[in-house]
Protein backbone atom coordinates (compact mmCIF):
# COMPACT_ATOMS: atom_id res chain seq x y z
CA UNK A 1 9.21 -82.70 5.26
CA UNK A 2 11.75 -80.63 8.12
CA UNK A 3 11.74 -77.71 4.95
CA UNK A 4 8.11 -78.03 4.84
CA UNK A 5 7.71 -77.81 8.59
CA UNK A 6 10.04 -74.75 9.08
CA UNK A 7 8.16 -72.46 6.84
CA UNK A 8 4.07 -73.84 8.42
CA UNK A 9 6.24 -72.52 12.06
CA UNK A 10 7.33 -69.69 10.97
CA UNK A 11 3.88 -68.48 9.24
CA UNK A 12 2.17 -69.44 12.43
CA UNK A 13 4.92 -67.52 14.40
CA UNK A 14 4.12 -64.08 12.19
CA UNK A 15 0.22 -64.77 12.15
CA UNK A 16 0.47 -64.66 15.72
CA UNK A 17 2.99 -61.37 16.37
CA UNK A 18 0.50 -60.00 13.75
CA UNK A 19 -2.53 -60.86 15.76
CA UNK A 20 -0.62 -59.80 19.03
CA UNK A 21 -0.43 -56.29 17.39
CA UNK A 22 -3.61 -55.88 16.14
CA UNK A 23 -5.09 -56.42 19.49
CA UNK A 24 -2.70 -53.88 21.07
CA UNK A 25 -3.88 -51.62 18.83
CA UNK A 26 -7.72 -51.95 19.50
CA UNK A 27 -6.65 -52.04 23.07
CA UNK A 28 -5.12 -48.27 21.89
CA UNK A 29 -7.96 -47.02 19.74
CA UNK A 30 -10.72 -48.20 22.52
CA UNK A 31 -8.44 -46.12 25.05
CA UNK A 32 -7.98 -43.02 22.78
CA UNK A 33 -12.00 -43.22 22.28
CA UNK A 34 -12.64 -43.72 26.38
CA UNK A 35 -10.33 -40.95 27.13
CA UNK A 36 -12.58 -38.23 25.42
CA UNK A 37 -16.05 -40.00 26.91
CA UNK A 38 -14.04 -39.50 30.34
CA UNK A 39 -12.50 -36.16 29.44
CA UNK A 40 -9.00 -37.25 30.16
CA UNK A 41 -6.99 -34.52 27.57
CA UNK A 42 -3.70 -35.70 28.36
CA UNK A 43 -4.22 -39.70 28.09
CA UNK A 44 -5.87 -38.75 24.96
CA UNK A 45 -3.77 -36.57 23.54
CA UNK A 46 -0.60 -38.22 24.87
CA UNK A 47 -1.80 -41.31 22.28
CA UNK A 48 -1.42 -39.04 19.44
CA UNK A 49 1.97 -38.54 18.39
CA UNK A 50 3.95 -34.63 18.13
CA UNK A 51 2.93 -34.69 14.43
CA UNK A 52 -0.56 -36.16 14.32
CA UNK A 53 -2.50 -34.54 12.12
CA UNK A 54 -6.65 -34.75 12.72
CA UNK A 55 -9.16 -34.30 9.94
CA UNK A 56 -12.67 -33.78 11.63
CA UNK A 57 -16.39 -33.46 10.01
CA UNK A 58 -16.05 -30.08 8.47
CA UNK A 59 -14.98 -29.38 5.48
CA UNK A 60 -12.36 -26.93 7.86
CA UNK A 61 -11.39 -29.03 10.30
CA UNK A 62 -7.87 -30.27 9.39
CA UNK A 63 -5.36 -29.84 12.30
CA UNK A 64 -2.27 -30.36 13.45
CA UNK A 65 -2.11 -31.60 16.79
CA UNK A 66 -1.49 -28.07 18.66
CA UNK A 67 -4.32 -26.91 16.58
CA UNK A 68 -6.68 -29.88 17.24
CA UNK A 69 -5.17 -29.84 21.12
CA UNK A 70 -6.68 -25.91 21.19
CA UNK A 71 -10.05 -26.89 19.54
CA UNK A 72 -10.50 -30.07 22.33
CA UNK A 73 -9.87 -28.41 25.50
CA UNK A 74 -12.83 -26.68 26.10
CA UNK A 75 -14.82 -29.81 25.34
CA UNK A 76 -12.45 -31.68 27.67
CA UNK A 77 -13.24 -29.04 30.12
CA UNK A 78 -16.56 -29.28 30.65
CA UNK A 79 -16.29 -32.68 31.29
CA UNK A 80 -17.01 -34.57 28.30
CA UNK A 81 -15.55 -34.29 25.20
CA UNK A 82 -17.30 -36.95 22.47
CA UNK A 83 -18.45 -40.58 23.28
CA UNK A 84 -17.60 -43.09 20.28
CA UNK A 85 -17.53 -46.42 20.62
CA UNK A 86 -16.32 -49.02 17.73
CA UNK A 87 -18.89 -51.28 15.78
CA UNK A 88 -16.34 -52.58 13.73
CA UNK A 89 -12.50 -52.26 12.84
CA UNK A 90 -10.48 -53.59 10.40
CA UNK A 91 -6.27 -53.35 10.82
CA UNK A 92 -3.74 -53.29 8.57
CA UNK A 93 -0.20 -53.82 9.43
CA UNK A 94 2.62 -53.55 7.51
CA UNK A 95 5.42 -55.77 6.64
CA UNK A 96 7.83 -53.82 9.44
CA UNK A 97 5.31 -54.11 11.90
CA UNK A 98 5.95 -50.15 12.78
CA UNK A 99 3.05 -48.89 10.78
CA UNK A 100 -0.52 -49.61 10.50
CA UNK A 101 -3.84 -48.19 9.10
CA UNK A 102 -7.23 -48.90 9.95
CA UNK A 103 -11.20 -48.61 9.60
CA UNK A 104 -13.49 -47.97 11.63
CA UNK A 105 -17.60 -47.46 12.19
CA UNK A 106 -18.31 -45.78 15.38
CA UNK A 107 -21.41 -45.66 17.61
CA UNK A 108 -21.36 -41.88 18.50
CA UNK A 109 -24.24 -38.77 18.97
CA UNK A 110 -24.12 -38.05 15.73
CA UNK A 111 -25.29 -41.76 14.61
CA UNK A 112 -22.95 -44.21 12.81
CA UNK A 113 -19.29 -42.30 11.90
CA UNK A 114 -16.53 -43.93 10.41
CA UNK A 115 -13.02 -43.45 11.30
CA UNK A 116 -9.93 -44.34 9.72
CA UNK A 117 -6.25 -43.43 10.26
CA UNK A 118 -2.39 -44.26 10.27
CA UNK A 119 -0.86 -45.83 13.11
CA UNK A 120 3.01 -45.25 14.53
CA UNK A 121 5.13 -47.73 16.39
CA UNK A 122 7.05 -45.37 18.71
CA UNK A 123 9.42 -46.96 21.09
CA UNK A 124 7.38 -49.89 21.24
CA UNK A 125 4.43 -48.45 21.80
CA UNK A 126 1.39 -47.56 19.16
CA UNK A 127 0.82 -43.63 18.70
CA UNK A 128 -1.98 -42.15 16.75
CA UNK A 129 -0.45 -40.17 13.68
CA UNK A 130 -3.20 -39.41 11.42
CA UNK A 131 -6.87 -39.67 12.14
CA UNK A 132 -10.00 -38.91 9.75
CA UNK A 133 -13.70 -38.58 11.23
CA UNK A 134 -16.39 -38.40 8.65
CA UNK A 135 -20.06 -38.44 9.07
CA UNK A 136 -21.51 -41.68 7.27
CA UNK A 137 -24.40 -40.96 4.72
CA UNK A 138 -27.23 -43.44 3.36
CA UNK A 139 -26.87 -43.51 -0.17
CA UNK A 140 -30.81 -42.95 -0.57
CA UNK A 141 -30.62 -39.63 1.29
CA UNK A 142 -27.57 -38.35 -0.46
CA UNK A 143 -29.29 -35.17 -2.18
CA UNK A 144 -31.24 -33.94 0.77
CA UNK A 145 -27.93 -33.84 2.57
CA UNK A 146 -26.11 -31.85 -0.45
CA UNK A 147 -29.31 -29.41 -0.15
CA UNK A 148 -28.18 -28.49 3.44
CA UNK A 149 -24.82 -28.71 2.51
CA UNK A 150 -24.49 -26.75 -0.51
CA UNK A 151 -25.03 -23.29 1.02
CA UNK A 152 -21.88 -23.27 3.09
CA UNK A 153 -19.92 -25.39 0.85
CA UNK A 154 -20.83 -23.72 -2.31
CA UNK A 155 -19.52 -20.20 -0.17
CA UNK A 156 -16.23 -22.37 0.80
CA UNK A 157 -15.57 -23.82 -2.66
CA UNK A 158 -15.13 -20.33 -3.84
CA UNK A 159 -13.39 -19.66 -1.52
CA UNK A 160 -10.67 -22.58 -1.52
CA UNK A 161 -11.03 -21.79 -5.45
CA UNK A 162 -9.36 -18.49 -4.59
CA UNK A 163 -6.31 -19.60 -2.90
């Protein structure tokens, strides 16, 4: 009986710790999106690891942090970068408690987008290590979107095949 009670208490404490970390991660991600909406460049970029990767909606947008900073700075300098608000988010933690990954549906100026990424706990703080932003396409409209994308992306496909 004592052993069972010990196991229950241990599992309960793990669940509470995981819930606490999930709340911290949600706060980090919400603050990251808020920093963009408020054009707080340093706040936004400081939430990312030094070796972070940002993958945007365009097929050519695969940046390390330095490249992403160069891309994003002019938007922030205008006083408003972009405004993303989470509609839904799922957060997952590894057993070590030092790595997390997530997916989220976002309300954006592009309508619903999907974000996904990886966070790393560094010196007690969660930082975004990898982020992918994708526009969602309703399945019934896929063919229409392909028609718009085809001329641009066919040329890009040819270019990438030649690499």
